[in-house]
Amino acid sequence: MKPVFALCLIGLLSGCLAFPPKDITPEMRDDYVTAVASIGCVLRDESDYQPVELQTGLTREQTIDLTKYHLAKGTAEKLPDDAGIRLMTGACA
């Protein structure tokens, strides 16, 4: 019974782990958090994503990947009615 419990526990924990996107450095992750904080901690549309990309040098795909990473990690939350996301880490905490 112990091996079954261990496998279940591993399965549960693996769903809780969030891995940063490939080819994204810790500095890029920090720059993303700082840039999102500079626009009020919320990403809704083009007028929010573009300043983050300009400040960080990230592509749109990298910015979206980092947003997904923070959602999976629990350091961002979806806003009601699909109105965007709110970052909840760094200066946005």
N, C-alpha and C. Protein backbone atom coordinates (compact mmCIF):
# COMPACT_ATOMS: atom_id res chain seq x y z
N MET A 1 0.82 -1.19 0.00
CA MET A 1 0.00 0.00 0.00
C MET A 1 0.86 1.26 0.00
N LYS A 2 2.02 1.20 0.60
CA LYS A 2 2.90 2.36 0.63
C LYS A 2 3.34 2.80 -0.76
N PRO A 3 3.71 1.87 -1.68
CA PRO A 3 4.10 2.32 -3.01
C PRO A 3 2.97 3.05 -3.74
N VAL A 4 1.74 2.61 -3.57
CA VAL A 4 0.61 3.26 -4.22
C VAL A 4 0.44 4.67 -3.66
N PHE A 5 0.56 4.81 -2.36
CA PHE A 5 0.46 6.13 -1.73
C PHE A 5 1.55 7.05 -2.25
N ALA A 6 2.77 6.54 -2.36
CA ALA A 6 3.89 7.34 -2.84
C ALA A 6 3.65 7.80 -4.28
N LEU A 7 3.14 6.92 -5.12
CA LEU A 7 2.86 7.30 -6.50
C LEU A 7 1.77 8.37 -6.58
N CYS A 8 0.76 8.24 -5.75
CA CYS A 8 -0.31 9.25 -5.72
C CYS A 8 0.24 10.59 -5.26
N LEU A 9 1.08 10.56 -4.24
CA LEU A 9 1.66 11.79 -3.71
C LEU A 9 2.54 12.46 -4.76
N ILE A 10 3.33 11.68 -5.47
CA ILE A 10 4.18 12.24 -6.53
C ILE A 10 3.31 12.86 -7.62
N GLY A 11 2.24 12.19 -7.98
CA GLY A 11 1.33 12.73 -8.99
C GLY A 11 0.70 14.04 -8.56
N LEU A 12 0.30 14.13 -7.32
CA LEU A 12 -0.29 15.36 -6.82
C LEU A 12 0.72 16.49 -6.79
N LEU A 13 1.91 16.21 -6.32
CA LEU A 13 2.93 17.24 -6.23
C LEU A 13 3.40 17.70 -7.59
N SER A 14 3.49 16.81 -8.55
CA SER A 14 3.96 17.21 -9.88
C SER A 14 3.00 18.21 -10.52
N GLY A 15 1.72 18.12 -10.21
CA GLY A 15 0.76 19.09 -10.71
C GLY A 15 0.91 20.44 -10.07
N CYS A 16 1.54 20.50 -8.92
CA CYS A 16 1.71 21.75 -8.20
C CYS A 16 3.00 22.47 -8.57
N LEU A 17 3.89 21.78 -9.23
CA LEU A 17 5.18 22.37 -9.57
C LEU A 17 5.06 23.17 -10.85
N ALA A 18 5.63 24.35 -10.82
CA ALA A 18 5.65 25.19 -12.02
C ALA A 18 7.10 25.39 -12.41
N PHE A 19 7.41 25.08 -13.64
CA PHE A 19 8.77 25.24 -14.13
C PHE A 19 8.83 26.47 -15.02
N PRO A 20 9.89 27.28 -14.86
CA PRO A 20 10.00 28.47 -15.71
C PRO A 20 10.15 28.07 -17.18
N PRO A 21 9.72 28.93 -18.07
CA PRO A 21 9.85 28.63 -19.50
C PRO A 21 11.31 28.45 -19.89
N LYS A 22 11.54 27.61 -20.87
CA LYS A 22 12.89 27.41 -21.38
C LYS A 22 13.41 28.70 -22.00
N ASP A 23 14.70 28.87 -21.98
CA ASP A 23 15.36 30.04 -22.57
C ASP A 23 15.00 31.35 -21.88
N ILE A 24 14.48 31.29 -20.67
CA ILE A 24 14.19 32.48 -19.88
C ILE A 24 15.11 32.46 -18.67
N THR A 25 15.92 33.48 -18.53
CA THR A 25 16.87 33.54 -17.42
C THR A 25 16.20 34.11 -16.17
N PRO A 26 16.79 33.91 -15.01
CA PRO A 26 16.25 34.54 -13.79
C PRO A 26 16.17 36.06 -13.92
N GLU A 27 17.14 36.66 -14.61
CA GLU A 27 17.11 38.11 -14.80
C GLU A 27 15.90 38.53 -15.64
N MET A 28 15.60 37.74 -16.66
CA MET A 28 14.43 38.03 -17.51
C MET A 28 13.14 37.92 -16.69
N ARG A 29 13.08 36.92 -15.80
CA ARG A 29 11.91 36.77 -14.95
C ARG A 29 11.77 37.98 -14.02
N ASP A 30 12.89 38.43 -13.46
CA ASP A 30 12.86 39.61 -12.59
C ASP A 30 12.44 40.86 -13.35
N ASP A 31 12.98 41.03 -14.56
CA ASP A 31 12.61 42.18 -15.39
C ASP A 31 11.12 42.17 -15.70
N TYR A 32 10.57 40.99 -15.96
CA TYR A 32 9.13 40.85 -16.24
C TYR A 32 8.32 41.34 -15.04
N VAL A 33 8.68 40.87 -13.85
CA VAL A 33 7.95 41.26 -12.64
C VAL A 33 8.02 42.77 -12.43
N THR A 34 9.20 43.34 -12.62
CA THR A 34 9.37 44.79 -12.45
C THR A 34 8.55 45.56 -13.48
N ALA A 35 8.57 45.09 -14.72
CA ALA A 35 7.82 45.77 -15.79
C ALA A 35 6.32 45.69 -15.56
N VAL A 36 5.83 44.53 -15.15
CA VAL A 36 4.38 44.40 -14.89
C VAL A 36 4.00 45.29 -13.71
N ALA A 37 4.84 45.38 -12.70
CA ALA A 37 4.56 46.27 -11.57
C ALA A 37 4.48 47.72 -12.03
N SER A 38 5.32 48.09 -13.00
CA SER A 38 5.35 49.49 -13.47
C SER A 38 4.07 49.90 -14.19
N ILE A 39 3.29 48.92 -14.66
CA ILE A 39 2.03 49.25 -15.35
C ILE A 39 0.82 48.96 -14.47
N GLY A 40 1.04 48.74 -13.18
CA GLY A 40 -0.09 48.55 -12.27
C GLY A 40 -0.41 47.11 -11.93
N CYS A 41 0.46 46.18 -12.28
CA CYS A 41 0.34 44.77 -11.89
C CYS A 41 -0.73 43.98 -12.63
N VAL A 42 -1.36 44.57 -13.62
CA VAL A 42 -2.43 43.89 -14.35
C VAL A 42 -2.11 43.88 -15.84
N LEU A 43 -2.28 42.71 -16.45
CA LEU A 43 -2.13 42.56 -17.90
C LEU A 43 -3.50 42.22 -18.46
N ARG A 44 -4.03 43.12 -19.31
CA ARG A 44 -5.35 42.88 -19.90
C ARG A 44 -5.30 42.76 -21.41
N ASP A 45 -4.61 43.69 -22.06
CA ASP A 45 -4.63 43.72 -23.51
C ASP A 45 -3.33 44.29 -24.06
N GLU A 46 -3.34 44.61 -25.33
CA GLU A 46 -2.15 45.10 -26.03
C GLU A 46 -1.51 46.28 -25.32
N SER A 47 -2.33 47.19 -24.79
CA SER A 47 -1.79 48.38 -24.13
C SER A 47 -1.04 48.04 -22.84
N ASP A 48 -1.20 46.83 -22.33
CA ASP A 48 -0.45 46.38 -21.16
C ASP A 48 0.75 45.53 -21.57
N TYR A 49 0.55 44.63 -22.52
CA TYR A 49 1.63 43.74 -22.91
C TYR A 49 2.77 44.48 -23.61
N GLN A 50 2.44 45.45 -24.46
CA GLN A 50 3.47 46.14 -25.22
C GLN A 50 4.48 46.87 -24.33
N PRO A 51 4.07 47.62 -23.30
CA PRO A 51 5.06 48.26 -22.44
C PRO A 51 5.95 47.26 -21.71
N VAL A 52 5.38 46.12 -21.32
CA VAL A 52 6.17 45.09 -20.66
C VAL A 52 7.23 44.56 -21.62
N GLU A 53 6.84 44.31 -22.86
CA GLU A 53 7.79 43.82 -23.85
C GLU A 53 8.88 44.85 -24.14
N LEU A 54 8.51 46.11 -24.24
CA LEU A 54 9.50 47.16 -24.51
C LEU A 54 10.48 47.32 -23.36
N GLN A 55 9.98 47.26 -22.14
CA GLN A 55 10.84 47.42 -20.97
C GLN A 55 11.79 46.25 -20.77
N THR A 56 11.35 45.06 -21.13
CA THR A 56 12.13 43.86 -20.84
C THR A 56 12.93 43.34 -22.03
N GLY A 57 12.51 43.67 -23.24
CA GLY A 57 13.13 43.10 -24.42
C GLY A 57 12.62 41.71 -24.74
N LEU A 58 11.57 41.29 -24.03
CA LEU A 58 10.97 39.97 -24.26
C LEU A 58 10.07 40.02 -25.49
N THR A 59 9.93 38.88 -26.14
CA THR A 59 8.97 38.76 -27.23
C THR A 59 7.58 38.57 -26.63
N ARG A 60 6.56 38.67 -27.47
CA ARG A 60 5.20 38.43 -26.99
C ARG A 60 5.07 37.01 -26.46
N GLU A 61 5.64 36.05 -27.18
CA GLU A 61 5.57 34.65 -26.76
C GLU A 61 6.23 34.47 -25.38
N GLN A 62 7.39 35.07 -25.17
CA GLN A 62 8.07 34.96 -23.88
C GLN A 62 7.24 35.60 -22.77
N THR A 63 6.64 36.74 -23.08
CA THR A 63 5.81 37.42 -22.10
C THR A 63 4.60 36.56 -21.72
N ILE A 64 3.97 35.97 -22.70
CA ILE A 64 2.83 35.09 -22.44
C ILE A 64 3.27 33.86 -21.66
N ASP A 65 4.42 33.29 -22.03
CA ASP A 65 4.94 32.13 -21.31
C ASP A 65 5.22 32.46 -19.85
N LEU A 66 5.78 33.63 -19.59
CA LEU A 66 6.04 34.03 -18.19
C LEU A 66 4.73 34.27 -17.44
N THR A 67 3.74 34.79 -18.14
CA THR A 67 2.43 34.98 -17.51
C THR A 67 1.82 33.63 -17.13
N LYS A 68 1.90 32.67 -18.03
CA LYS A 68 1.40 31.31 -17.75
C LYS A 68 2.17 30.69 -16.59
N TYR A 69 3.48 30.90 -16.57
CA TYR A 69 4.33 30.39 -15.48
C TYR A 69 3.86 30.94 -14.14
N HIS A 70 3.61 32.24 -14.07
CA HIS A 70 3.17 32.83 -12.81
C HIS A 70 1.77 32.36 -12.41
N LEU A 71 0.91 32.12 -13.38
CA LEU A 71 -0.41 31.56 -13.07
C LEU A 71 -0.26 30.16 -12.48
N ALA A 72 0.58 29.33 -13.10
CA ALA A 72 0.79 27.96 -12.61
C ALA A 72 1.45 27.95 -11.24
N LYS A 73 2.32 28.91 -11.01
CA LYS A 73 3.06 29.01 -9.75
C LYS A 73 2.20 29.58 -8.62
N GLY A 74 1.12 30.24 -8.98
CA GLY A 74 0.25 30.85 -7.97
C GLY A 74 0.66 32.27 -7.61
N THR A 75 1.56 32.85 -8.40
CA THR A 75 1.99 34.23 -8.14
C THR A 75 1.27 35.21 -9.07
N ALA A 76 0.24 34.71 -9.75
CA ALA A 76 -0.65 35.54 -10.55
C ALA A 76 -2.02 34.89 -10.49
N GLU A 77 -3.04 35.70 -10.71
CA GLU A 77 -4.41 35.17 -10.71
C GLU A 77 -5.17 35.73 -11.90
N LYS A 78 -6.08 34.90 -12.40
CA LYS A 78 -6.95 35.36 -13.47
C LYS A 78 -7.99 36.29 -12.88
N LEU A 79 -8.28 37.36 -13.59
CA LEU A 79 -9.31 38.30 -13.16
C LEU A 79 -10.68 37.79 -13.61
N PRO A 80 -11.74 38.17 -12.92
CA PRO A 80 -13.08 37.70 -13.30
C PRO A 80 -13.42 38.06 -14.75
N ASP A 81 -14.25 37.24 -15.33
CA ASP A 81 -14.75 37.45 -16.70
C ASP A 81 -13.63 37.53 -17.74
N ASP A 82 -12.54 36.79 -17.51
CA ASP A 82 -11.41 36.78 -18.45
C ASP A 82 -10.91 38.19 -18.76
N ALA A 83 -10.88 39.04 -17.75
CA ALA A 83 -10.46 40.43 -17.94
C ALA A 83 -8.96 40.60 -17.81
N GLY A 84 -8.20 39.51 -17.86
CA GLY A 84 -6.75 39.60 -17.77
C GLY A 84 -6.23 38.87 -16.55
N ILE A 85 -5.00 39.22 -16.17
CA ILE A 85 -4.39 38.61 -14.98
C ILE A 85 -3.81 39.71 -14.10
N ARG A 86 -3.71 39.37 -12.81
CA ARG A 86 -3.06 40.26 -11.84
C ARG A 86 -1.87 39.51 -11.28
N LEU A 87 -0.70 40.13 -11.36
CA LEU A 87 0.51 39.57 -10.78
C LEU A 87 0.48 39.82 -9.29
N MET A 88 0.93 38.86 -8.48
CA MET A 88 0.88 38.97 -7.03
C MET A 88 2.23 38.62 -6.40
N THR A 89 3.30 39.15 -6.98
CA THR A 89 4.64 38.89 -6.46
C THR A 89 5.47 40.16 -6.65
N GLY A 90 6.62 40.22 -6.01
CA GLY A 90 7.45 41.41 -6.12
C GLY A 90 6.73 42.62 -5.59
N ALA A 91 6.82 43.73 -6.30
CA ALA A 91 6.14 44.96 -5.89
C ALA A 91 4.62 44.84 -5.99
N CYS A 92 4.13 43.80 -6.64
CA CYS A 92 2.68 43.59 -6.80
C CYS A 92 2.09 42.75 -5.67
N ALA A 93 2.93 42.30 -4.76
CA ALA A 93 2.45 41.42 -3.67
C ALA A 93 1.59 42.20 -2.68
